[in-house]
Amino acid sequence: MTLTNECLQCNVFRWSNNYYKQRKPLLYCRYIDDCFIVCATQNEMDLCFELLNNQAESIKLTREKPTGRWLPKSVSLLDLWVGYPEPQSETRTKKSWSPGTVGRLASDMLAIIEMVYDSGYTFCDIELSHFHLDVDTRRVYLNSACQVFKSTEQVDLTGENAQQVIRNYWRGRPGCAPLSWHKRGEQCAVRVSDCAEALFYIILDLMGLATWPGLENERIRQEKETLDVSKLLPPLAEFRNTVFRAQELSELISRGNDCGIMFQDGYMLLQGKRGGATSSVLDFRKLFAKLRALYEIFGGVSNSDVPFDFEDVADIGYCGSDQARIIDLLKEVHRLNDKISFLKADKEALMMRVEYVRRNAAQSRRERSTIAMLSNAPKID
């Protein structure tokens, strides 16, 4: 905080190789959204917040205070997954979410993948941290587009201009990487079917079915290639088959085979039906149907109001009973502080009304005195 305070005492910047120092600006014209500040403790964060807000009357910051471990509006899927309690060691089971939770989250993520690809872009990395859950709507949205690039799936990378084209190769973790990256590395452009394959591996990980976490890259590839599909739930097995079929069609098309694919209004048709995204051989409608079957049939989720697995876990699941009691007491303190603020505001409003009445009474007395003086004054003919 001492260093922060020292830095705030002046504003030095360079312009045209000259240094300027500005202490008190004449005009504030900039609105800054989403400042990110890291402090060691909550008390230090409060001090920093107070320090920043005391710099000038025209500069005021607001912030979102976490409830438990969540900010009030959104939370990343990675934070939800990391914060979810680990199973007891004696059970010898992996941490996992139910098909009802995973199916709904994956359906929203697939919709984002389709929308991005339909706009002419593609993901080069799909991570849980890139997707956030809106607490109000309970729907997943894309929070970070740092790994979204212009799609090169339809670009010829073998011609004379191949060196001028930046290949959108996979840049994420090997555990979620498509098999094409394991085989050809950076020489393979990410296709929309590869994004769906990465989502499939995320689904397996969230359901505790992935067998490769912590392994080396080559072992991960072997585990993915030898995955026993018969042990998967039918919707997951059919999801994987649909994705791999699309990848095979993409390979054949890239080699010059038409594969009986027909086009209509710029869309590829699979067996006479539209796949879902422009120039895509990936049948998005079928993938959505499989995810719906996953959370409705095998997850028992018939409506969107059914709580997710992490919503069923109370705050006490993240901390001990003593800490949970402290959190409840702090919430009560905040509630009482809000009540005190309301009472202070009511008191100020009452004092203003009393002052208004007093001034009106004084004004009325002066007016009556003036009228009396005028009525007693001698008349001049």
Foldseek 3Di string as FASTA:
>chain_A
DVVVLVVLQWDWDDDPNDIDIDRDDPDDDDDDPDDDDDDDDPVVVVVVQVSQCPRDVVDHDDDFDDQLPHTPWKDFQVCLQVLFDADDVVVVAGAAFALQQLLQQLLLVLVVQQVLVLVQKHFLEDDSRQWMATPVVRGIDGNDCPRIGGACLVPDLPDPCNVVDQASHRDYDLQLFALVCLVPNRVDHDDSLRVLSSSLSVSCVNHRNQDDPPHDNVVSSVCVVPPDLVPDDVLSSVSVVLSVVQVVVSVCVSVPDPVPWDDDPQFTADVNHGQRHGPGSRNSVSNSVSSCCSNVVRVVDPDPPPDTPSVVDDSCSSDPPVVVVVSVVVVVVVVVVVVVVVVVVVVVVVVVVVVVVVVVVVVVVVVVVVVVVVVPDDDDD
